[in-house]
Amino acid sequence: MVNRNRQVVYSQVGTIAAANSLDAGVFAVAAYARFTGIVKVDSVTNVTATLQFRNQQTSGGALITTSTMPVNSGGTHFNVTNESPYVGFGITPVQSASLFTLIIIGEAIR
């Protein structure tokens, strides 16, 4: 049986250079009621990054940060409600070069 209620909205494994951040982009997500997933940031030094969800009411409009959560060493699971038709995802600047994994799954409105 195929579960059509959940879809991967964003998935990436990569690196973030020191003093940089990850801007995953803005997505049309009106069909989703919530987002779940995992974010992991690993670095040589102890690093605390922040996962941000930025809402946008119209395409190309202003982005307003509505949810943030700390990402410590290891992985962090999240479950966030969707409050907007467009959402931008990102990881705030890290102190040193870091490997990251970010998987965001959208759960459809039922």
C-alpha atoms as a PDB file:
ATOM      1  CA  MET A   1       0.000   0.000   0.000  1.00  0.00           C
ATOM      2  CA  VAL A   2       1.308   3.436  -0.916  1.00  0.00           C
ATOM      3  CA  ASN A   3       0.973   6.198   1.668  1.00  0.00           C
ATOM      4  CA  ARG A   4      -0.133   9.244  -0.292  1.00  0.00           C
ATOM      5  CA  ASN A   5      -0.567  11.431   2.783  1.00  0.00           C
ATOM      6  CA  ARG A   6       3.149  12.165   3.201  1.00  0.00           C
ATOM      7  CA  GLN A   7       5.687  13.411   0.674  1.00  0.00           C
ATOM      8  CA  VAL A   8       9.321  14.455   0.879  1.00  0.00           C
ATOM      9  CA  VAL A   9       9.371  18.230   0.462  1.00  0.00           C
ATOM     10  CA  TYR A  10      13.151  18.617   0.784  1.00  0.00           C
ATOM     11  CA  SER A  11      16.046  16.212   1.207  1.00  0.00           C
ATOM     12  CA  GLN A  12      19.750  17.034   1.076  1.00  0.00           C
ATOM     13  CA  VAL A  13      23.050  15.859   2.509  1.00  0.00           C
ATOM     14  CA  GLY A  14      25.980  18.231   2.115  1.00  0.00           C
ATOM     15  CA  THR A  15      28.390  20.648   3.733  1.00  0.00           C
ATOM     16  CA  ILE A  16      28.080  24.172   5.072  1.00  0.00           C
ATOM     17  CA  ALA A  17      31.250  26.261   5.062  1.00  0.00           C
ATOM     18  CA  ALA A  18      32.327  28.050   8.235  1.00  0.00           C
ATOM     19  CA  ALA A  19      30.304  31.209   8.976  1.00  0.00           C
ATOM     20  CA  ASN A  20      27.786  30.294   6.251  1.00  0.00           C
ATOM     21  CA  SER A  21      24.206  29.124   6.380  1.00  0.00           C
ATOM     22  CA  LEU A  22      21.945  26.911   4.291  1.00  0.00           C
ATOM     23  CA  ASP A  23      19.000  28.457   2.476  1.00  0.00           C
ATOM     24  CA  ALA A  24      16.981  25.502   1.198  1.00  0.00           C
ATOM     25  CA  GLY A  25      14.599  27.764  -0.712  1.00  0.00           C
ATOM     26  CA  VAL A  26      10.901  28.633  -0.591  1.00  0.00           C
ATOM     27  CA  PHE A  27       8.306  26.006  -1.426  1.00  0.00           C
ATOM     28  CA  ALA A  28       4.588  26.101  -2.257  1.00  0.00           C
ATOM     29  CA  VAL A  29       3.215  24.001   0.584  1.00  0.00           C
ATOM     30  CA  ALA A  30      -0.471  24.922   0.897  1.00  0.00           C
ATOM     31  CA  ALA A  31      -1.408  21.236   0.585  1.00  0.00           C
ATOM     32  CA  TYR A  32       0.429  20.306   3.801  1.00  0.00           C
ATOM     33  CA  ALA A  33      -0.898  20.635   7.345  1.00  0.00           C
ATOM     34  CA  ARG A  34       2.437  19.911   9.050  1.00  0.00           C
ATOM     35  CA  PHE A  35       6.089  19.097   8.493  1.00  0.00           C
ATOM     36  CA  THR A  36       8.101  16.362  10.160  1.00  0.00           C
ATOM     37  CA  GLY A  37      11.641  15.262   9.596  1.00  0.00           C
ATOM     38  CA  ILE A  38      15.182  15.157  10.857  1.00  0.00           C
ATOM     39  CA  VAL A  39      18.068  17.589  10.781  1.00  0.00           C
ATOM     40  CA  LYS A  40      21.630  16.708  11.703  1.00  0.00           C
ATOM     41  CA  VAL A  41      24.667  19.000  11.768  1.00  0.00           C
ATOM     42  CA  ASP A  42      28.104  17.520  12.518  1.00  0.00           C
ATOM     43  CA  SER A  43      31.261  19.553  12.959  1.00  0.00           C
ATOM     44  CA  VAL A  44      34.819  19.212  14.216  1.00  0.00           C
ATOM     45  CA  THR A  45      33.983  21.645  17.011  1.00  0.00           C
ATOM     46  CA  ASN A  46      30.865  21.624  19.124  1.00  0.00           C
ATOM     47  CA  VAL A  47      28.310  23.363  16.981  1.00  0.00           C
ATOM     48  CA  THR A  48      24.835  24.581  17.659  1.00  0.00           C
ATOM     49  CA  ALA A  49      22.905  25.577  14.600  1.00  0.00           C
ATOM     50  CA  THR A  50      19.251  26.555  14.252  1.00  0.00           C
ATOM     51  CA  LEU A  51      16.669  25.166  11.865  1.00  0.00           C
ATOM     52  CA  GLN A  52      14.319  27.932  10.666  1.00  0.00           C
ATOM     53  CA  PHE A  53      10.886  27.838   9.106  1.00  0.00           C
ATOM     54  CA  ARG A  54      10.008  31.150   7.438  1.00  0.00           C
ATOM     55  CA  ASN A  55       6.421  31.724   6.319  1.00  0.00           C
ATOM     56  CA  GLN A  56       5.388  33.713   3.276  1.00  0.00           C
ATOM     57  CA  GLN A  57       1.746  34.620   2.617  1.00  0.00           C
ATOM     58  CA  THR A  58       2.183  35.390  -1.103  1.00  0.00           C
ATOM     59  CA  SER A  59       4.688  34.195  -3.673  1.00  0.00           C
ATOM     60  CA  GLY A  60       7.627  36.595  -3.601  1.00  0.00           C
ATOM     61  CA  GLY A  61       6.384  38.309  -0.427  1.00  0.00           C
ATOM     62  CA  ALA A  62       8.262  38.964   2.784  1.00  0.00           C
ATOM     63  CA  LEU A  63       9.530  35.959   4.735  1.00  0.00           C
ATOM     64  CA  ILE A  64       8.652  35.938   8.434  1.00  0.00           C
ATOM     65  CA  THR A  65      10.469  33.495  10.721  1.00  0.00           C
ATOM     66  CA  THR A  66       7.762  31.601  12.577  1.00  0.00           C
ATOM     67  CA  SER A  67       9.517  28.551  14.003  1.00  0.00           C
ATOM     68  CA  THR A  68      13.093  27.923  15.072  1.00  0.00           C
ATOM     69  CA  MET A  69      14.670  25.008  16.846  1.00  0.00           C
ATOM     70  CA  PRO A  70      18.207  24.325  18.010  1.00  0.00           C
ATOM     71  CA  VAL A  71      20.180  21.574  16.297  1.00  0.00           C
ATOM     72  CA  ASN A  72      22.839  20.132  18.572  1.00  0.00           C
ATOM     73  CA  SER A  73      25.381  17.416  17.796  1.00  0.00           C
ATOM     74  CA  GLY A  74      23.600  14.335  16.553  1.00  0.00           C
ATOM     75  CA  GLY A  75      20.152  14.417  14.996  1.00  0.00           C
ATOM     76  CA  THR A  76      17.069  16.403  15.909  1.00  0.00           C
ATOM     77  CA  HIS A  77      13.570  15.268  15.002  1.00  0.00           C
ATOM     78  CA  PHE A  78      10.916  17.918  14.461  1.00  0.00           C
ATOM     79  CA  ASN A  79       7.173  18.202  13.995  1.00  0.00           C
ATOM     80  CA  VAL A  80       5.876  21.665  13.027  1.00  0.00           C
ATOM     81  CA  THR A  81       2.430  22.834  11.924  1.00  0.00           C
ATOM     82  CA  ASN A  82       2.166  24.643   8.603  1.00  0.00           C
ATOM     83  CA  GLU A  83       0.675  28.125   8.853  1.00  0.00           C
ATOM     84  CA  SER A  84       1.289  29.465   5.366  1.00  0.00           C
ATOM     85  CA  PRO A  85       0.957  28.654   1.650  1.00  0.00           C
ATOM     86  CA  TYR A  86       4.708  29.232   1.127  1.00  0.00           C
ATOM     87  CA  VAL A  87       7.502  28.208   3.494  1.00  0.00           C
ATOM     88  CA  GLY A  88      11.257  28.739   3.378  1.00  0.00           C
ATOM     89  CA  PHE A  89      13.588  26.362   5.196  1.00  0.00           C
ATOM     90  CA  GLY A  90      17.115  27.046   6.338  1.00  0.00           C
ATOM     91  CA  ILE A  91      19.927  26.377   8.790  1.00  0.00           C
ATOM     92  CA  THR A  92      21.492  29.424  10.444  1.00  0.00           C
ATOM     93  CA  PRO A  93      25.244  30.102  10.236  1.00  0.00           C
ATOM     94  CA  VAL A  94      27.587  27.554  11.764  1.00  0.00           C
ATOM     95  CA  GLN A  95      30.890  28.377  13.476  1.00  0.00           C
ATOM     96  CA  SER A  96      33.022  25.860  11.564  1.00  0.00           C
ATOM     97  CA  ALA A  97      32.663  23.755   8.434  1.00  0.00           C
ATOM     98  CA  SER A  98      29.890  21.234   9.022  1.00  0.00           C
ATOM     99  CA  LEU A  99      28.283  18.245   7.388  1.00  0.00           C
ATOM    100  CA  PHE A 100      24.507  18.329   7.421  1.00  0.00           C
ATOM    101  CA  THR A 101      21.513  16.151   6.662  1.00  0.00           C
ATOM    102  CA  LEU A 102      18.081  17.739   6.258  1.00  0.00           C
ATOM    103  CA  ILE A 103      14.945  15.770   5.413  1.00  0.00           C
ATOM    104  CA  ILE A 104      11.561  17.506   5.494  1.00  0.00           C
ATOM    105  CA  ILE A 105       8.362  15.523   4.984  1.00  0.00           C
ATOM    106  CA  GLY A 106       5.034  17.227   4.361  1.00  0.00           C
ATOM    107  CA  GLU A 107       1.887  15.644   5.760  1.00  0.00           C
ATOM    108  CA  ALA A 108      -1.151  16.358   3.611  1.00  0.00           C
ATOM    109  CA  ILE A 109      -4.300  18.015   4.885  1.00  0.00           C
ATOM    110  CA  ARG A 110      -6.825  15.255   5.530  1.00  0.00           C
END
